[in-house]
Amino acid sequence: MISFAVALASNGAAARPSGWMQIIPLILIFVVFWFILIWPQQRRQKQHRKMLESLKKGDKVVTVGGIYGVVTHIGENTVFIKVDENTKLEVSKGAIANIVEKKS
């Protein structure tokens, strides 16, 4: 038993994992993190950007605040929506959450 302990102590370098073996778990954690969190979020952002680019006058939309309206004018960074007969709101393009009904 003592000779086994002496052999391990004299050959301590063999008991330690190499540099690559220490990095592999970190790489695996990053890959899992990428596929679970980052990749789906990028896909959602791309779909939202595509939806905003397809926005047209007359589309019925809902904002992130839950306000429904019809698009009356599209600016570079803002959108004017008609909420009621006499009420128009200017909102940021990013505030448009979804297109409820596309104008044909």
N, C-alpha and C. Protein backbone atom coordinates (compact mmCIF):
# COMPACT_ATOMS: atom_id res chain seq x y z
N MET A 1 0.81 -1.18 0.00
CA MET A 1 0.00 0.00 0.00
C MET A 1 0.86 1.25 0.00
N ILE A 2 1.93 1.23 0.77
CA ILE A 2 2.83 2.38 0.82
C ILE A 2 3.55 2.53 -0.50
N SER A 3 3.91 1.45 -1.13
CA SER A 3 4.61 1.53 -2.41
C SER A 3 3.70 2.13 -3.49
N PHE A 4 2.36 1.86 -3.39
CA PHE A 4 1.41 2.44 -4.34
C PHE A 4 1.33 3.96 -4.16
N ALA A 5 1.32 4.44 -2.92
CA ALA A 5 1.29 5.87 -2.64
C ALA A 5 2.57 6.54 -3.09
N VAL A 6 3.71 5.87 -2.90
CA VAL A 6 4.99 6.41 -3.34
C VAL A 6 5.03 6.49 -4.86
N ALA A 7 4.48 5.50 -5.53
CA ALA A 7 4.46 5.50 -6.99
C ALA A 7 3.59 6.63 -7.52
N LEU A 8 2.46 6.87 -6.88
CA LEU A 8 1.59 7.98 -7.30
C LEU A 8 2.25 9.32 -7.05
N ALA A 9 2.92 9.47 -5.94
CA ALA A 9 3.58 10.72 -5.60
C ALA A 9 4.74 11.00 -6.53
N SER A 10 5.46 9.98 -6.91
CA SER A 10 6.60 10.19 -7.81
C SER A 10 6.16 10.45 -9.24
N ASN A 11 4.99 9.98 -9.62
CA ASN A 11 4.50 10.14 -10.98
C ASN A 11 3.22 11.00 -10.95
N GLY A 12 3.28 12.15 -10.30
CA GLY A 12 2.12 13.02 -10.14
C GLY A 12 1.67 13.67 -11.43
N ALA A 13 2.55 13.84 -12.38
CA ALA A 13 2.19 14.48 -13.65
C ALA A 13 1.22 13.62 -14.44
N ALA A 14 1.31 12.33 -14.30
CA ALA A 14 0.41 11.44 -15.03
C ALA A 14 -1.01 11.50 -14.47
N ALA A 15 -1.15 11.88 -13.22
CA ALA A 15 -2.47 11.93 -12.60
C ALA A 15 -3.23 13.19 -13.00
N ARG A 16 -2.57 14.24 -13.40
CA ARG A 16 -3.22 15.48 -13.79
C ARG A 16 -3.67 15.41 -15.24
N PRO A 17 -4.87 15.91 -15.53
CA PRO A 17 -5.32 15.93 -16.92
C PRO A 17 -4.55 16.98 -17.73
N SER A 18 -4.49 16.76 -19.02
CA SER A 18 -3.77 17.71 -19.88
C SER A 18 -4.57 19.00 -20.01
N GLY A 19 -3.96 20.00 -20.64
CA GLY A 19 -4.61 21.30 -20.81
C GLY A 19 -5.89 21.21 -21.63
N TRP A 20 -5.90 20.35 -22.65
CA TRP A 20 -7.09 20.20 -23.48
C TRP A 20 -8.23 19.56 -22.71
N MET A 21 -7.91 18.63 -21.84
CA MET A 21 -8.95 17.97 -21.07
C MET A 21 -9.60 18.93 -20.08
N GLN A 22 -8.92 19.98 -19.68
CA GLN A 22 -9.50 20.97 -18.79
C GLN A 22 -10.37 21.97 -19.55
N ILE A 23 -10.08 22.18 -20.82
CA ILE A 23 -10.82 23.16 -21.63
C ILE A 23 -12.08 22.55 -22.23
N ILE A 24 -12.10 21.25 -22.48
CA ILE A 24 -13.24 20.60 -23.14
C ILE A 24 -14.56 20.84 -22.39
N PRO A 25 -14.64 20.73 -21.07
CA PRO A 25 -15.92 21.03 -20.40
C PRO A 25 -16.40 22.46 -20.61
N LEU A 26 -15.48 23.41 -20.65
CA LEU A 26 -15.87 24.81 -20.90
C LEU A 26 -16.42 24.98 -22.30
N ILE A 27 -15.81 24.32 -23.26
CA ILE A 27 -16.29 24.38 -24.64
C ILE A 27 -17.68 23.76 -24.74
N LEU A 28 -17.88 22.63 -24.09
CA LEU A 28 -19.19 21.98 -24.11
C LEU A 28 -20.26 22.84 -23.46
N ILE A 29 -19.93 23.51 -22.38
CA ILE A 29 -20.89 24.41 -21.72
C ILE A 29 -21.25 25.56 -22.66
N PHE A 30 -20.27 26.12 -23.35
CA PHE A 30 -20.53 27.22 -24.28
C PHE A 30 -21.42 26.75 -25.43
N VAL A 31 -21.16 25.56 -25.97
CA VAL A 31 -21.97 25.05 -27.08
C VAL A 31 -23.41 24.85 -26.64
N VAL A 32 -23.63 24.28 -25.47
CA VAL A 32 -24.99 24.09 -24.96
C VAL A 32 -25.65 25.44 -24.73
N PHE A 33 -24.93 26.39 -24.15
CA PHE A 33 -25.43 27.75 -23.92
C PHE A 33 -25.84 28.39 -25.25
N TRP A 34 -25.04 28.21 -26.28
CA TRP A 34 -25.31 28.77 -27.61
C TRP A 34 -26.62 28.22 -28.16
N PHE A 35 -26.79 26.90 -28.15
CA PHE A 35 -27.97 26.29 -28.76
C PHE A 35 -29.24 26.49 -27.94
N ILE A 36 -29.12 26.70 -26.65
CA ILE A 36 -30.31 26.87 -25.82
C ILE A 36 -30.74 28.34 -25.74
N LEU A 37 -29.79 29.28 -25.66
CA LEU A 37 -30.15 30.68 -25.44
C LEU A 37 -29.87 31.61 -26.62
N ILE A 38 -28.68 31.61 -27.11
CA ILE A 38 -28.27 32.62 -28.09
C ILE A 38 -28.89 32.39 -29.46
N TRP A 39 -28.81 31.18 -29.98
CA TRP A 39 -29.29 30.90 -31.33
C TRP A 39 -30.79 31.16 -31.49
N PRO A 40 -31.66 30.69 -30.57
CA PRO A 40 -33.09 30.99 -30.72
C PRO A 40 -33.40 32.49 -30.64
N GLN A 41 -32.68 33.22 -29.78
CA GLN A 41 -32.90 34.66 -29.66
C GLN A 41 -32.52 35.37 -30.95
N GLN A 42 -31.44 34.98 -31.59
CA GLN A 42 -31.05 35.59 -32.86
C GLN A 42 -32.08 35.30 -33.93
N ARG A 43 -32.63 34.08 -33.91
CA ARG A 43 -33.65 33.71 -34.89
C ARG A 43 -34.90 34.56 -34.70
N ARG A 44 -35.33 34.77 -33.43
CA ARG A 44 -36.49 35.62 -33.17
C ARG A 44 -36.25 37.06 -33.60
N GLN A 45 -35.05 37.58 -33.36
CA GLN A 45 -34.73 38.94 -33.77
C GLN A 45 -34.77 39.07 -35.29
N LYS A 46 -34.28 38.08 -35.99
CA LYS A 46 -34.29 38.11 -37.46
C LYS A 46 -35.73 38.09 -37.98
N GLN A 47 -36.59 37.26 -37.37
CA GLN A 47 -37.99 37.20 -37.78
C GLN A 47 -38.70 38.53 -37.50
N HIS A 48 -38.41 39.16 -36.36
CA HIS A 48 -39.03 40.45 -36.02
C HIS A 48 -38.59 41.54 -36.99
N ARG A 49 -37.30 41.55 -37.32
CA ARG A 49 -36.77 42.53 -38.28
C ARG A 49 -37.43 42.34 -39.64
N LYS A 50 -37.59 41.09 -40.06
CA LYS A 50 -38.23 40.78 -41.34
C LYS A 50 -39.69 41.23 -41.33
N MET A 51 -40.38 41.03 -40.20
CA MET A 51 -41.76 41.45 -40.06
C MET A 51 -41.88 42.97 -40.16
N LEU A 52 -40.95 43.69 -39.53
CA LEU A 52 -40.98 45.16 -39.59
C LEU A 52 -40.70 45.67 -40.99
N GLU A 53 -39.85 44.98 -41.74
CA GLU A 53 -39.55 45.39 -43.10
C GLU A 53 -40.76 45.16 -44.02
N SER A 54 -41.60 44.19 -43.70
CA SER A 54 -42.77 43.90 -44.54
C SER A 54 -43.99 44.73 -44.14
N LEU A 55 -43.84 45.58 -43.14
CA LEU A 55 -44.94 46.41 -42.66
C LEU A 55 -45.39 47.38 -43.75
N LYS A 56 -46.72 47.47 -43.96
CA LYS A 56 -47.28 48.35 -45.00
C LYS A 56 -48.40 49.18 -44.42
N LYS A 57 -48.72 50.25 -45.12
CA LYS A 57 -49.84 51.11 -44.75
C LYS A 57 -51.12 50.28 -44.86
N GLY A 58 -51.96 50.36 -43.82
CA GLY A 58 -53.22 49.62 -43.81
C GLY A 58 -53.16 48.33 -43.00
N ASP A 59 -51.95 47.88 -42.59
CA ASP A 59 -51.83 46.68 -41.77
C ASP A 59 -52.34 46.95 -40.37
N LYS A 60 -53.08 45.99 -39.79
CA LYS A 60 -53.51 46.12 -38.41
C LYS A 60 -52.42 45.51 -37.54
N VAL A 61 -51.94 46.28 -36.55
CA VAL A 61 -50.81 45.86 -35.73
C VAL A 61 -51.16 45.98 -34.25
N VAL A 62 -50.33 45.34 -33.43
CA VAL A 62 -50.42 45.49 -31.98
C VAL A 62 -49.03 45.87 -31.49
N THR A 63 -48.99 46.82 -30.55
CA THR A 63 -47.70 47.27 -30.01
C THR A 63 -47.33 46.42 -28.81
N VAL A 64 -46.10 46.58 -28.33
CA VAL A 64 -45.67 45.83 -27.15
C VAL A 64 -46.46 46.25 -25.91
N GLY A 65 -47.09 47.41 -25.95
CA GLY A 65 -47.92 47.87 -24.85
C GLY A 65 -49.35 47.37 -24.94
N GLY A 66 -49.68 46.65 -26.01
CA GLY A 66 -51.01 46.08 -26.17
C GLY A 66 -52.00 46.97 -26.89
N ILE A 67 -51.52 48.02 -27.55
CA ILE A 67 -52.41 48.93 -28.27
C ILE A 67 -52.59 48.43 -29.70
N TYR A 68 -53.84 48.25 -30.11
CA TYR A 68 -54.15 47.84 -31.47
C TYR A 68 -54.40 49.07 -32.31
N GLY A 69 -53.98 49.03 -33.56
CA GLY A 69 -54.21 50.14 -34.46
C GLY A 69 -53.91 49.76 -35.89
N VAL A 70 -54.20 50.68 -36.79
CA VAL A 70 -53.95 50.48 -38.22
C VAL A 70 -52.85 51.43 -38.65
N VAL A 71 -51.87 50.93 -39.38
CA VAL A 71 -50.73 51.74 -39.83
C VAL A 71 -51.22 52.75 -40.86
N THR A 72 -50.90 54.04 -40.61
CA THR A 72 -51.27 55.09 -41.56
C THR A 72 -50.06 55.67 -42.28
N HIS A 73 -48.90 55.63 -41.64
CA HIS A 73 -47.68 56.17 -42.25
C HIS A 73 -46.48 55.46 -41.64
N ILE A 74 -45.50 55.17 -42.48
CA ILE A 74 -44.28 54.51 -42.01
C ILE A 74 -43.10 55.43 -42.28
N GLY A 75 -42.43 55.85 -41.20
CA GLY A 75 -41.24 56.67 -41.33
C GLY A 75 -39.99 55.79 -41.29
N GLU A 76 -38.85 56.43 -41.15
CA GLU A 76 -37.61 55.67 -41.11
C GLU A 76 -37.47 54.89 -39.80
N ASN A 77 -37.79 55.53 -38.69
CA ASN A 77 -37.67 54.88 -37.38
C ASN A 77 -38.98 54.81 -36.62
N THR A 78 -40.01 55.45 -37.14
CA THR A 78 -41.29 55.48 -36.44
C THR A 78 -42.43 55.03 -37.35
N VAL A 79 -43.55 54.71 -36.71
CA VAL A 79 -44.76 54.30 -37.42
C VAL A 79 -45.93 55.06 -36.81
N PHE A 80 -46.79 55.59 -37.65
CA PHE A 80 -48.00 56.25 -37.19
C PHE A 80 -49.14 55.24 -37.29
N ILE A 81 -49.83 55.04 -36.17
CA ILE A 81 -50.96 54.12 -36.18
C ILE A 81 -52.23 54.86 -35.77
N LYS A 82 -53.31 54.50 -36.43
CA LYS A 82 -54.62 55.09 -36.14
C LYS A 82 -55.31 54.15 -35.16
N VAL A 83 -55.58 54.67 -33.96
CA VAL A 83 -56.19 53.87 -32.91
C VAL A 83 -57.70 54.03 -32.92
N ASP A 84 -58.16 55.25 -33.18
CA ASP A 84 -59.58 55.57 -33.19
C ASP A 84 -59.80 56.56 -34.32
N GLU A 85 -61.04 56.98 -34.52
CA GLU A 85 -61.34 57.92 -35.60
C GLU A 85 -60.51 59.20 -35.50
N ASN A 86 -60.32 59.71 -34.30
CA ASN A 86 -59.61 60.97 -34.13
C ASN A 86 -58.27 60.81 -33.40
N THR A 87 -57.81 59.60 -33.25
CA THR A 87 -56.60 59.37 -32.46
C THR A 87 -55.55 58.65 -33.29
N LYS A 88 -54.40 59.32 -33.44
CA LYS A 88 -53.25 58.71 -34.11
C LYS A 88 -52.07 58.76 -33.16
N LEU A 89 -51.30 57.70 -33.15
CA LEU A 89 -50.12 57.62 -32.29
C LEU A 89 -48.89 57.42 -33.14
N GLU A 90 -47.80 58.03 -32.71
CA GLU A 90 -46.50 57.80 -33.35
C GLU A 90 -45.70 56.92 -32.40
N VAL A 91 -45.33 55.75 -32.88
CA VAL A 91 -44.57 54.81 -32.05
C VAL A 91 -43.29 54.40 -32.79
N SER A 92 -42.33 53.95 -32.03
CA SER A 92 -41.09 53.44 -32.60
C SER A 92 -41.38 52.15 -33.36
N LYS A 93 -40.65 51.90 -34.43
CA LYS A 93 -40.85 50.67 -35.18
C LYS A 93 -40.62 49.45 -34.30
N GLY A 94 -39.68 49.54 -33.39
CA GLY A 94 -39.40 48.42 -32.51
C GLY A 94 -40.53 48.13 -31.54
N ALA A 95 -41.46 49.08 -31.37
CA ALA A 95 -42.58 48.90 -30.46
C ALA A 95 -43.70 48.09 -31.10
N ILE A 96 -43.60 47.80 -32.39
CA ILE A 96 -44.60 46.96 -33.05
C ILE A 96 -44.28 45.51 -32.71
N ALA A 97 -45.19 44.87 -31.98
CA ALA A 97 -44.95 43.49 -31.55
C ALA A 97 -45.35 42.48 -32.61
N ASN A 98 -46.46 42.75 -33.30
CA ASN A 98 -46.96 41.76 -34.24
C ASN A 98 -47.90 42.41 -35.23
N ILE A 99 -48.00 41.82 -36.41
CA ILE A 99 -48.98 42.23 -37.39
C ILE A 99 -50.18 41.31 -37.21
N VAL A 100 -51.32 41.89 -36.84
CA VAL A 100 -52.52 41.10 -36.57
C VAL A 100 -53.19 40.71 -37.89
N GLU A 101 -53.28 41.68 -38.80
CA GLU A 101 -53.96 41.44 -40.06
C GLU A 101 -53.26 42.21 -41.17
N LYS A 102 -52.79 41.48 -42.18
CA LYS A 102 -52.10 42.12 -43.30
C LYS A 102 -53.15 42.69 -44.27
N LYS A 103 -52.82 43.84 -44.82
CA LYS A 103 -53.68 44.42 -45.85
C LYS A 103 -53.43 43.65 -47.14
N SER A 104 -54.49 43.26 -47.78
CA SER A 104 -54.36 42.46 -49.01
C SER A 104 -53.91 43.26 -50.19
